[in-house]
N, C-alpha and C. Protein backbone atom coordinates (compact mmCIF):
# COMPACT_ATOMS: atom_id res chain seq x y z
N MET A 1 -42.32 11.72 -1.88
CA MET A 1 -41.09 11.19 -1.34
C MET A 1 -40.12 12.32 -1.03
N LYS A 2 -40.06 13.32 -1.92
CA LYS A 2 -39.14 14.44 -1.73
C LYS A 2 -39.51 15.21 -0.47
N ASN A 3 -40.82 15.35 -0.20
CA ASN A 3 -41.27 16.06 1.00
C ASN A 3 -40.81 15.36 2.26
N TYR A 4 -40.83 14.03 2.24
CA TYR A 4 -40.37 13.27 3.42
C TYR A 4 -38.88 13.51 3.67
N LEU A 5 -38.10 13.58 2.60
CA LEU A 5 -36.66 13.85 2.75
C LEU A 5 -36.41 15.23 3.33
N ILE A 6 -37.17 16.21 2.86
CA ILE A 6 -37.01 17.57 3.38
C ILE A 6 -37.40 17.62 4.86
N ILE A 7 -38.49 16.99 5.22
CA ILE A 7 -38.93 16.97 6.62
C ILE A 7 -37.90 16.27 7.49
N LEU A 8 -37.35 15.16 7.00
CA LEU A 8 -36.32 14.43 7.74
C LEU A 8 -35.08 15.31 7.93
N ALA A 9 -34.66 16.00 6.87
CA ALA A 9 -33.47 16.87 6.97
C ALA A 9 -33.72 18.00 7.95
N LEU A 10 -34.89 18.60 7.90
CA LEU A 10 -35.22 19.69 8.83
C LEU A 10 -35.23 19.20 10.27
N ALA A 11 -35.77 18.01 10.48
CA ALA A 11 -35.80 17.45 11.83
C ALA A 11 -34.38 17.21 12.35
N ILE A 12 -33.51 16.71 11.50
CA ILE A 12 -32.12 16.48 11.90
C ILE A 12 -31.45 17.80 12.24
N LEU A 13 -31.66 18.81 11.41
CA LEU A 13 -31.05 20.12 11.67
C LEU A 13 -31.56 20.73 12.98
N LEU A 14 -32.85 20.59 13.23
CA LEU A 14 -33.41 21.14 14.46
C LEU A 14 -32.88 20.41 15.69
N VAL A 15 -32.77 19.10 15.61
CA VAL A 15 -32.27 18.33 16.73
C VAL A 15 -30.81 18.67 17.00
N THR A 16 -29.99 18.76 15.95
CA THR A 16 -28.57 19.07 16.16
C THR A 16 -28.37 20.52 16.56
N GLY A 17 -29.31 21.39 16.20
CA GLY A 17 -29.18 22.80 16.56
C GLY A 17 -29.61 23.10 17.98
N CYS A 18 -30.32 22.20 18.62
CA CYS A 18 -30.77 22.42 20.00
C CYS A 18 -29.59 22.27 20.95
N LYS A 19 -29.68 22.96 22.07
CA LYS A 19 -28.62 22.85 23.08
C LYS A 19 -28.65 21.48 23.71
N GLY A 20 -27.46 20.97 23.96
CA GLY A 20 -27.34 19.65 24.55
C GLY A 20 -27.55 19.69 26.05
N LYS A 21 -27.57 18.51 26.65
CA LYS A 21 -27.72 18.39 28.10
C LYS A 21 -26.41 18.74 28.77
N LYS A 22 -26.48 19.01 30.06
CA LYS A 22 -25.27 19.31 30.82
C LYS A 22 -24.31 18.15 30.72
N GLY A 23 -23.03 18.50 30.62
CA GLY A 23 -22.02 17.47 30.54
C GLY A 23 -21.65 17.08 29.12
N GLU A 24 -22.50 17.44 28.13
CA GLU A 24 -22.18 17.14 26.75
C GLU A 24 -21.21 18.19 26.22
N LYS A 25 -20.34 17.80 25.33
CA LYS A 25 -19.39 18.73 24.75
C LYS A 25 -20.11 19.62 23.75
N GLN A 26 -19.68 20.89 23.73
CA GLN A 26 -20.21 21.81 22.74
C GLN A 26 -19.44 21.61 21.44
N GLU A 27 -20.15 21.57 20.34
CA GLU A 27 -19.53 21.38 19.04
C GLU A 27 -18.74 22.63 18.67
N SER A 28 -17.55 22.47 18.10
CA SER A 28 -16.73 23.60 17.68
C SER A 28 -17.39 24.32 16.51
N PRO A 29 -17.20 25.65 16.44
CA PRO A 29 -17.73 26.39 15.30
C PRO A 29 -17.08 25.91 14.00
N ILE A 30 -17.74 26.18 12.89
CA ILE A 30 -17.19 25.82 11.59
C ILE A 30 -16.04 26.77 11.27
N SER A 31 -15.00 26.26 10.67
CA SER A 31 -13.81 27.04 10.36
C SER A 31 -14.02 27.84 9.07
N ALA A 32 -14.36 29.11 9.21
CA ALA A 32 -14.50 29.98 8.04
C ALA A 32 -13.14 30.22 7.40
N ILE A 33 -12.11 30.25 8.22
CA ILE A 33 -10.76 30.50 7.71
C ILE A 33 -10.33 29.39 6.76
N SER A 34 -10.64 28.14 7.08
CA SER A 34 -10.25 27.05 6.18
C SER A 34 -11.03 27.12 4.86
N ILE A 35 -12.26 27.58 4.90
CA ILE A 35 -13.05 27.74 3.66
C ILE A 35 -12.41 28.83 2.80
N ILE A 36 -12.01 29.93 3.43
CA ILE A 36 -11.38 31.04 2.70
C ILE A 36 -10.03 30.60 2.12
N LYS A 37 -9.25 29.86 2.89
CA LYS A 37 -7.97 29.36 2.36
C LYS A 37 -8.20 28.45 1.16
N GLY A 38 -9.24 27.64 1.22
CA GLY A 38 -9.58 26.78 0.08
C GLY A 38 -9.95 27.60 -1.15
N GLN A 39 -10.70 28.67 -0.93
CA GLN A 39 -11.05 29.57 -2.03
C GLN A 39 -9.80 30.20 -2.64
N LEU A 40 -8.88 30.64 -1.79
CA LEU A 40 -7.65 31.26 -2.29
C LEU A 40 -6.80 30.26 -3.06
N ASN A 41 -6.74 29.03 -2.58
CA ASN A 41 -6.00 28.00 -3.31
C ASN A 41 -6.61 27.77 -4.69
N LYS A 42 -7.93 27.78 -4.75
CA LYS A 42 -8.63 27.62 -6.03
C LYS A 42 -8.33 28.81 -6.95
N LEU A 43 -8.30 30.02 -6.39
CA LEU A 43 -8.03 31.21 -7.19
C LEU A 43 -6.58 31.24 -7.69
N ASP A 44 -5.66 30.69 -6.90
CA ASP A 44 -4.25 30.66 -7.30
C ASP A 44 -4.02 29.93 -8.62
N SER A 45 -4.88 28.98 -8.91
CA SER A 45 -4.69 28.19 -10.13
C SER A 45 -5.79 28.47 -11.17
N SER A 46 -6.52 29.55 -10.98
CA SER A 46 -7.63 29.85 -11.89
C SER A 46 -7.18 30.74 -13.05
N LEU A 47 -8.05 30.89 -14.00
CA LEU A 47 -7.81 31.79 -15.13
C LEU A 47 -8.73 33.00 -15.07
N TYR A 48 -9.26 33.28 -13.88
CA TYR A 48 -10.17 34.41 -13.72
C TYR A 48 -9.47 35.74 -13.95
N GLU A 49 -10.28 36.73 -14.25
CA GLU A 49 -9.82 38.12 -14.33
C GLU A 49 -10.21 38.77 -12.99
N PHE A 50 -9.28 39.45 -12.35
CA PHE A 50 -9.51 40.01 -11.02
C PHE A 50 -9.59 41.53 -11.09
N LYS A 51 -10.56 42.07 -10.34
CA LYS A 51 -10.74 43.51 -10.29
C LYS A 51 -10.77 43.95 -8.83
N LYS A 52 -10.10 45.06 -8.54
CA LYS A 52 -10.07 45.62 -7.19
C LYS A 52 -10.76 46.98 -7.22
N ILE A 53 -11.70 47.15 -6.29
CA ILE A 53 -12.41 48.42 -6.15
C ILE A 53 -12.07 48.96 -4.76
N GLU A 54 -11.58 50.18 -4.71
CA GLU A 54 -11.22 50.79 -3.42
C GLU A 54 -11.91 52.13 -3.27
N ARG A 55 -12.37 52.38 -2.05
CA ARG A 55 -12.96 53.67 -1.70
C ARG A 55 -12.38 54.10 -0.36
N SER A 56 -11.99 55.35 -0.29
CA SER A 56 -11.57 55.92 0.99
C SER A 56 -12.13 57.32 1.06
N GLU A 57 -11.65 58.12 1.99
CA GLU A 57 -12.21 59.44 2.24
C GLU A 57 -12.39 60.26 0.96
N ASN A 58 -11.36 60.41 0.17
CA ASN A 58 -11.42 61.29 -1.00
C ASN A 58 -11.10 60.57 -2.31
N ARG A 59 -11.18 59.25 -2.30
CA ARG A 59 -10.70 58.52 -3.47
C ARG A 59 -11.57 57.31 -3.78
N ASN A 60 -11.86 57.14 -5.05
CA ASN A 60 -12.50 55.94 -5.57
C ASN A 60 -11.63 55.43 -6.70
N ASP A 61 -11.34 54.14 -6.70
CA ASP A 61 -10.43 53.62 -7.70
C ASP A 61 -10.82 52.18 -8.05
N THR A 62 -10.84 51.88 -9.33
CA THR A 62 -11.09 50.53 -9.81
C THR A 62 -9.95 50.15 -10.74
N THR A 63 -9.31 49.01 -10.45
CA THR A 63 -8.20 48.56 -11.27
C THR A 63 -8.26 47.05 -11.44
N TYR A 64 -7.67 46.57 -12.52
CA TYR A 64 -7.49 45.14 -12.70
C TYR A 64 -6.19 44.76 -11.99
N ILE A 65 -6.19 43.62 -11.35
CA ILE A 65 -5.01 43.19 -10.59
C ILE A 65 -4.58 41.81 -11.05
N LYS A 66 -3.34 41.49 -10.72
CA LYS A 66 -2.79 40.17 -11.05
C LYS A 66 -3.25 39.14 -10.01
N ARG A 67 -3.27 37.90 -10.43
CA ARG A 67 -3.69 36.79 -9.56
C ARG A 67 -2.88 36.75 -8.28
N ASP A 68 -1.57 36.99 -8.37
CA ASP A 68 -0.73 36.89 -7.18
C ASP A 68 -0.93 38.03 -6.18
N GLU A 69 -1.69 39.06 -6.54
CA GLU A 69 -2.00 40.16 -5.62
C GLU A 69 -3.22 39.85 -4.73
N VAL A 70 -4.04 38.90 -5.16
CA VAL A 70 -5.30 38.61 -4.47
C VAL A 70 -5.05 38.13 -3.04
N ARG A 71 -4.11 37.23 -2.86
CA ARG A 71 -3.84 36.68 -1.53
C ARG A 71 -3.40 37.80 -0.57
N GLY A 72 -2.60 38.74 -1.04
CA GLY A 72 -2.18 39.87 -0.21
C GLY A 72 -3.35 40.75 0.20
N LEU A 73 -4.27 40.98 -0.73
CA LEU A 73 -5.45 41.79 -0.42
C LEU A 73 -6.39 41.07 0.54
N ALA A 74 -6.34 39.75 0.55
CA ALA A 74 -7.17 38.95 1.46
C ALA A 74 -6.51 38.82 2.83
N GLY A 75 -5.40 39.51 3.04
CA GLY A 75 -4.66 39.44 4.29
C GLY A 75 -5.49 39.62 5.55
N PRO A 76 -6.45 40.57 5.59
CA PRO A 76 -7.27 40.71 6.81
C PRO A 76 -8.05 39.45 7.17
N PHE A 77 -8.41 38.64 6.19
CA PHE A 77 -9.06 37.36 6.47
C PHE A 77 -8.05 36.36 7.01
N LEU A 78 -6.90 36.29 6.35
CA LEU A 78 -5.89 35.28 6.68
C LEU A 78 -5.21 35.55 8.01
N SER A 79 -5.19 36.80 8.46
CA SER A 79 -4.53 37.12 9.73
C SER A 79 -5.42 36.85 10.95
N LEU A 80 -6.67 36.50 10.72
CA LEU A 80 -7.60 36.25 11.82
C LEU A 80 -7.33 34.90 12.47
N PRO A 81 -7.58 34.82 13.77
CA PRO A 81 -7.50 33.50 14.42
C PRO A 81 -8.67 32.64 13.96
N ASP A 82 -8.49 31.33 14.01
CA ASP A 82 -9.54 30.41 13.60
C ASP A 82 -10.37 30.05 14.84
N ILE A 83 -11.61 30.51 14.90
CA ILE A 83 -12.43 30.27 16.10
C ILE A 83 -12.85 28.82 16.22
N ALA A 84 -12.54 28.00 15.23
CA ALA A 84 -12.84 26.57 15.33
C ALA A 84 -11.77 25.84 16.13
N ASP A 85 -10.61 26.48 16.38
CA ASP A 85 -9.56 25.86 17.19
C ASP A 85 -10.03 25.71 18.63
N LYS A 86 -9.65 24.61 19.26
CA LYS A 86 -10.16 24.22 20.58
C LYS A 86 -10.17 25.33 21.63
N PRO A 87 -9.03 25.92 22.01
CA PRO A 87 -9.11 26.88 23.12
C PRO A 87 -10.00 28.08 22.80
N LEU A 88 -10.00 28.49 21.55
CA LEU A 88 -10.78 29.66 21.15
C LEU A 88 -12.26 29.34 21.01
N SER A 89 -12.59 28.14 20.57
CA SER A 89 -13.99 27.79 20.31
C SER A 89 -14.85 27.85 21.57
N LYS A 90 -14.24 27.67 22.72
CA LYS A 90 -15.00 27.70 23.99
C LYS A 90 -15.47 29.11 24.34
N LYS A 91 -14.94 30.11 23.66
CA LYS A 91 -15.29 31.50 23.95
C LYS A 91 -16.48 31.99 23.12
N TYR A 92 -17.04 31.10 22.30
CA TYR A 92 -18.13 31.48 21.40
C TYR A 92 -19.35 30.61 21.61
N THR A 93 -20.51 31.21 21.37
CA THR A 93 -21.75 30.45 21.35
C THR A 93 -22.20 30.35 19.89
N GLU A 94 -22.85 29.27 19.56
CA GLU A 94 -23.29 29.08 18.19
C GLU A 94 -24.80 28.97 18.13
N GLU A 95 -25.37 29.63 17.15
CA GLU A 95 -26.82 29.59 16.94
C GLU A 95 -27.06 29.22 15.48
N ARG A 96 -28.00 28.32 15.26
CA ARG A 96 -28.35 27.91 13.91
C ARG A 96 -29.79 28.30 13.64
N LEU A 97 -30.00 28.93 12.51
CA LEU A 97 -31.33 29.39 12.13
C LEU A 97 -31.61 28.91 10.71
N LEU A 98 -32.72 28.22 10.54
CA LEU A 98 -33.08 27.65 9.25
C LEU A 98 -34.17 28.48 8.60
N ASP A 99 -33.94 28.90 7.37
CA ASP A 99 -34.95 29.58 6.56
C ASP A 99 -35.39 28.57 5.51
N ALA A 100 -36.49 27.86 5.79
CA ALA A 100 -36.95 26.77 4.91
C ALA A 100 -37.43 27.30 3.56
N GLU A 101 -37.96 28.52 3.54
CA GLU A 101 -38.43 29.09 2.28
C GLU A 101 -37.29 29.33 1.31
N GLN A 102 -36.18 29.84 1.83
CA GLN A 102 -35.04 30.18 0.98
C GLN A 102 -33.99 29.06 0.94
N ASN A 103 -34.21 27.99 1.71
CA ASN A 103 -33.28 26.86 1.79
C ASN A 103 -31.89 27.32 2.24
N ILE A 104 -31.87 28.15 3.27
CA ILE A 104 -30.62 28.69 3.80
C ILE A 104 -30.54 28.36 5.29
N LEU A 105 -29.39 27.85 5.70
CA LEU A 105 -29.09 27.64 7.10
C LEU A 105 -28.05 28.67 7.50
N SER A 106 -28.37 29.50 8.49
CA SER A 106 -27.42 30.50 8.99
C SER A 106 -26.82 29.98 10.28
N ILE A 107 -25.49 29.94 10.32
CA ILE A 107 -24.77 29.48 11.50
C ILE A 107 -23.98 30.68 12.03
N THR A 108 -24.38 31.18 13.20
CA THR A 108 -23.77 32.37 13.77
C THR A 108 -23.02 32.02 15.03
N SER A 109 -21.74 32.37 15.06
CA SER A 109 -20.90 32.19 16.25
C SER A 109 -20.65 33.58 16.82
N THR A 110 -21.02 33.76 18.09
CA THR A 110 -20.90 35.07 18.74
C THR A 110 -20.01 34.94 19.96
N LEU A 111 -19.14 35.92 20.14
CA LEU A 111 -18.24 35.95 21.28
C LEU A 111 -19.07 36.08 22.56
N LYS A 112 -18.76 35.25 23.56
CA LYS A 112 -19.48 35.32 24.83
C LYS A 112 -19.24 36.67 25.50
N GLU A 113 -20.17 37.05 26.35
CA GLU A 113 -20.20 38.39 26.93
C GLU A 113 -18.92 38.81 27.65
N ASN A 114 -18.33 37.97 28.44
CA ASN A 114 -17.17 38.36 29.24
C ASN A 114 -15.83 38.03 28.58
N GLU A 115 -15.84 37.68 27.31
CA GLU A 115 -14.62 37.31 26.60
C GLU A 115 -14.13 38.47 25.74
N LYS A 116 -12.84 38.49 25.48
CA LYS A 116 -12.25 39.50 24.59
C LYS A 116 -11.43 38.78 23.53
N GLU A 117 -11.86 38.88 22.30
CA GLU A 117 -11.14 38.33 21.16
C GLU A 117 -11.37 39.27 19.98
N GLU A 118 -10.52 39.15 18.97
CA GLU A 118 -10.62 40.02 17.81
C GLU A 118 -11.92 39.77 17.03
N ILE A 119 -12.28 38.51 16.85
CA ILE A 119 -13.52 38.20 16.12
C ILE A 119 -14.69 38.28 17.10
N GLU A 120 -15.60 39.21 16.82
CA GLU A 120 -16.78 39.35 17.67
C GLU A 120 -17.92 38.46 17.20
N LYS A 121 -18.05 38.33 15.87
CA LYS A 121 -19.14 37.53 15.33
C LYS A 121 -18.72 36.96 13.98
N GLN A 122 -19.16 35.73 13.73
CA GLN A 122 -18.93 35.08 12.45
C GLN A 122 -20.23 34.42 12.04
N MET A 123 -20.64 34.66 10.81
CA MET A 123 -21.88 34.05 10.32
C MET A 123 -21.62 33.39 8.97
N LEU A 124 -22.11 32.18 8.84
CA LEU A 124 -22.01 31.45 7.58
C LEU A 124 -23.42 31.17 7.07
N SER A 125 -23.64 31.43 5.80
CA SER A 125 -24.91 31.09 5.15
C SER A 125 -24.67 29.86 4.29
N VAL A 126 -25.43 28.80 4.58
CA VAL A 126 -25.25 27.53 3.89
C VAL A 126 -26.48 27.25 3.05
N ASP A 127 -26.26 27.00 1.76
CA ASP A 127 -27.35 26.63 0.85
C ASP A 127 -27.67 25.16 1.07
N ILE A 128 -28.90 24.88 1.48
CA ILE A 128 -29.30 23.49 1.73
C ILE A 128 -30.38 23.03 0.74
N SER A 129 -30.45 23.71 -0.41
CA SER A 129 -31.45 23.29 -1.40
C SER A 129 -31.18 21.87 -1.89
N ASP A 130 -29.91 21.50 -1.96
CA ASP A 130 -29.53 20.12 -2.26
C ASP A 130 -29.01 19.53 -0.95
N ILE A 131 -29.86 18.84 -0.23
CA ILE A 131 -29.56 18.37 1.13
C ILE A 131 -28.30 17.52 1.17
N SER A 132 -28.06 16.74 0.15
CA SER A 132 -26.89 15.86 0.17
C SER A 132 -25.60 16.63 -0.08
N ASN A 133 -25.70 17.88 -0.54
CA ASN A 133 -24.49 18.62 -0.89
C ASN A 133 -24.62 20.09 -0.50
N GLY A 134 -24.95 20.38 0.76
CA GLY A 134 -25.05 21.77 1.21
C GLY A 134 -23.69 22.42 1.15
N HIS A 135 -23.64 23.65 0.71
CA HIS A 135 -22.36 24.34 0.65
C HIS A 135 -22.49 25.78 1.16
N VAL A 136 -21.40 26.29 1.69
CA VAL A 136 -21.38 27.65 2.23
C VAL A 136 -21.44 28.62 1.06
N GLN A 137 -22.37 29.58 1.16
CA GLN A 137 -22.51 30.61 0.13
C GLN A 137 -21.78 31.88 0.54
N SER A 138 -21.94 32.26 1.82
CA SER A 138 -21.41 33.54 2.28
C SER A 138 -20.80 33.39 3.66
N ILE A 139 -19.77 34.20 3.91
CA ILE A 139 -19.13 34.28 5.21
C ILE A 139 -19.09 35.75 5.61
N PHE A 140 -19.57 36.04 6.82
CA PHE A 140 -19.54 37.40 7.35
C PHE A 140 -18.77 37.36 8.67
N ILE A 141 -17.80 38.25 8.82
CA ILE A 141 -17.02 38.28 10.05
C ILE A 141 -16.90 39.73 10.52
N ASP A 142 -17.25 39.98 11.78
CA ASP A 142 -17.09 41.30 12.41
C ASP A 142 -15.92 41.22 13.37
N THR A 143 -14.98 42.17 13.24
CA THR A 143 -13.82 42.18 14.12
C THR A 143 -13.68 43.53 14.81
N TYR A 144 -13.00 43.50 15.94
CA TYR A 144 -12.71 44.73 16.69
C TYR A 144 -11.35 44.54 17.36
N LYS A 145 -10.46 45.50 17.16
CA LYS A 145 -9.12 45.37 17.72
C LYS A 145 -8.62 46.73 18.19
N GLU A 146 -8.09 46.74 19.41
CA GLU A 146 -7.47 47.96 19.93
C GLU A 146 -5.97 47.86 19.65
N SER A 147 -5.41 48.95 19.15
CA SER A 147 -3.99 48.98 18.82
C SER A 147 -3.43 50.34 19.19
N GLY A 148 -2.70 50.39 20.29
CA GLY A 148 -2.14 51.66 20.74
C GLY A 148 -3.24 52.66 21.07
N ASP A 149 -3.22 53.81 20.39
CA ASP A 149 -4.21 54.85 20.64
C ASP A 149 -5.38 54.79 19.66
N SER A 150 -5.54 53.66 18.97
CA SER A 150 -6.62 53.56 17.99
C SER A 150 -7.37 52.24 18.10
N THR A 151 -8.55 52.25 17.51
CA THR A 151 -9.33 51.02 17.40
C THR A 151 -9.60 50.76 15.92
N ILE A 152 -9.60 49.49 15.56
CA ILE A 152 -9.83 49.10 14.18
C ILE A 152 -11.01 48.13 14.15
N GLU A 153 -12.04 48.53 13.45
CA GLU A 153 -13.21 47.67 13.26
C GLU A 153 -13.26 47.25 11.80
N ARG A 154 -13.55 45.97 11.58
CA ARG A 154 -13.66 45.48 10.21
C ARG A 154 -14.94 44.67 10.04
N LYS A 155 -15.55 44.85 8.90
CA LYS A 155 -16.67 44.03 8.45
C LYS A 155 -16.15 43.31 7.21
N LEU A 156 -15.98 42.01 7.33
CA LEU A 156 -15.42 41.20 6.25
C LEU A 156 -16.51 40.32 5.66
N VAL A 157 -16.61 40.30 4.35
CA VAL A 157 -17.62 39.48 3.67
C VAL A 157 -16.92 38.70 2.57
N TRP A 158 -17.21 37.40 2.51
CA TRP A 158 -16.68 36.55 1.44
C TRP A 158 -17.86 35.84 0.80
N GLU A 159 -18.16 36.20 -0.44
CA GLU A 159 -19.18 35.50 -1.23
C GLU A 159 -18.45 34.42 -2.01
N VAL A 160 -18.69 33.18 -1.66
CA VAL A 160 -17.95 32.06 -2.23
C VAL A 160 -18.08 32.05 -3.76
N ASP A 161 -16.93 31.93 -4.41
CA ASP A 161 -16.81 31.87 -5.87
C ASP A 161 -17.20 33.16 -6.58
N LYS A 162 -17.26 34.30 -5.84
CA LYS A 162 -17.67 35.56 -6.47
C LYS A 162 -16.75 36.73 -6.12
N TYR A 163 -16.69 37.08 -4.83
CA TYR A 163 -15.93 38.27 -4.43
C TYR A 163 -15.71 38.27 -2.92
N PHE A 164 -14.85 39.18 -2.47
CA PHE A 164 -14.75 39.47 -1.04
C PHE A 164 -14.65 40.98 -0.84
N THR A 165 -15.14 41.43 0.32
CA THR A 165 -15.07 42.85 0.66
C THR A 165 -14.49 43.01 2.06
N ILE A 166 -13.83 44.13 2.26
CA ILE A 166 -13.26 44.49 3.55
C ILE A 166 -13.63 45.95 3.80
N TYR A 167 -14.43 46.17 4.82
CA TYR A 167 -14.81 47.53 5.21
C TYR A 167 -14.13 47.81 6.55
N THR A 168 -13.22 48.79 6.56
CA THR A 168 -12.42 49.08 7.74
C THR A 168 -12.72 50.48 8.26
N THR A 169 -12.91 50.59 9.58
CA THR A 169 -13.07 51.87 10.24
C THR A 169 -11.96 51.99 11.27
N ILE A 170 -11.16 53.07 11.16
CA ILE A 170 -10.07 53.31 12.11
C ILE A 170 -10.41 54.58 12.89
N GLN A 171 -10.40 54.44 14.21
CA GLN A 171 -10.69 55.57 15.09
C GLN A 171 -9.47 55.82 15.98
N LYS A 172 -8.85 57.00 15.82
CA LYS A 172 -7.73 57.38 16.68
C LYS A 172 -8.22 58.43 17.66
N ASN A 173 -7.55 58.48 18.83
CA ASN A 173 -7.93 59.45 19.85
C ASN A 173 -7.88 60.87 19.29
N ASN A 174 -8.92 61.62 19.56
CA ASN A 174 -9.02 63.05 19.19
C ASN A 174 -8.90 63.30 17.68
N GLN A 175 -9.26 62.33 16.87
CA GLN A 175 -9.24 62.50 15.42
C GLN A 175 -10.52 61.91 14.84
N PRO A 176 -10.94 62.43 13.70
CA PRO A 176 -12.14 61.85 13.07
C PRO A 176 -11.84 60.43 12.58
N GLU A 177 -12.86 59.60 12.58
CA GLU A 177 -12.66 58.23 12.11
C GLU A 177 -12.44 58.22 10.61
N LYS A 178 -11.69 57.20 10.16
CA LYS A 178 -11.41 57.04 8.74
C LYS A 178 -11.98 55.71 8.29
N ASN A 179 -12.59 55.73 7.12
CA ASN A 179 -13.23 54.54 6.57
C ASN A 179 -12.59 54.15 5.24
N TYR A 180 -12.37 52.85 5.08
CA TYR A 180 -11.77 52.31 3.86
C TYR A 180 -12.59 51.11 3.41
N PHE A 181 -12.77 51.00 2.12
CA PHE A 181 -13.53 49.90 1.55
C PHE A 181 -12.72 49.28 0.42
N THR A 182 -12.58 47.96 0.43
CA THR A 182 -11.90 47.24 -0.65
C THR A 182 -12.78 46.06 -1.06
N LYS A 183 -12.93 45.91 -2.35
CA LYS A 183 -13.68 44.77 -2.89
C LYS A 183 -12.84 44.15 -4.00
N VAL A 184 -12.71 42.83 -3.97
CA VAL A 184 -12.01 42.11 -5.03
C VAL A 184 -13.01 41.14 -5.65
N THR A 185 -13.16 41.24 -6.96
CA THR A 185 -14.10 40.37 -7.67
C THR A 185 -13.34 39.54 -8.70
N TRP A 186 -13.93 38.43 -9.09
CA TRP A 186 -13.35 37.60 -10.14
C TRP A 186 -14.45 36.98 -10.98
N GLN A 187 -14.10 36.73 -12.23
CA GLN A 187 -15.08 36.14 -13.16
C GLN A 187 -14.37 35.21 -14.11
């Protein structure tokens, strides 16, 4: 009986993941930003211990931080536009890939070729081992932004209920690039 349920769930995922016919509306991407805001709301009222790990050109530092500092450190996530919003969602294509062995559904939203937006790619990994209660495990977001004479690239990762990381590369004209890494964990 369990095998029939798995086959039924896989069939539904495959059918919904296929491209629709002409004239059908494209489904909006999933809002990673709302998931992250939910995580931050949960952390605001938690009793977790928070640790910040930072690495830059000549410095490595690990410190314990207060709960109210976490939201500020998550600023690069919160300042992003939500690609699930209507006008923005039309600029992205979505691809769903199912890994039946690992019970993971990957949902990748990629910026269309001729579009320019800060978020270039967003990927969500959804645990589907419990079909009735699939939940997002990981969020990956790649960003690119030009600002004056520099470009800022970020690789943002949010492991739900565990940690988040922000890897930033800043490239200014006629200067070597600078790399910064921040990780915030909680337990």
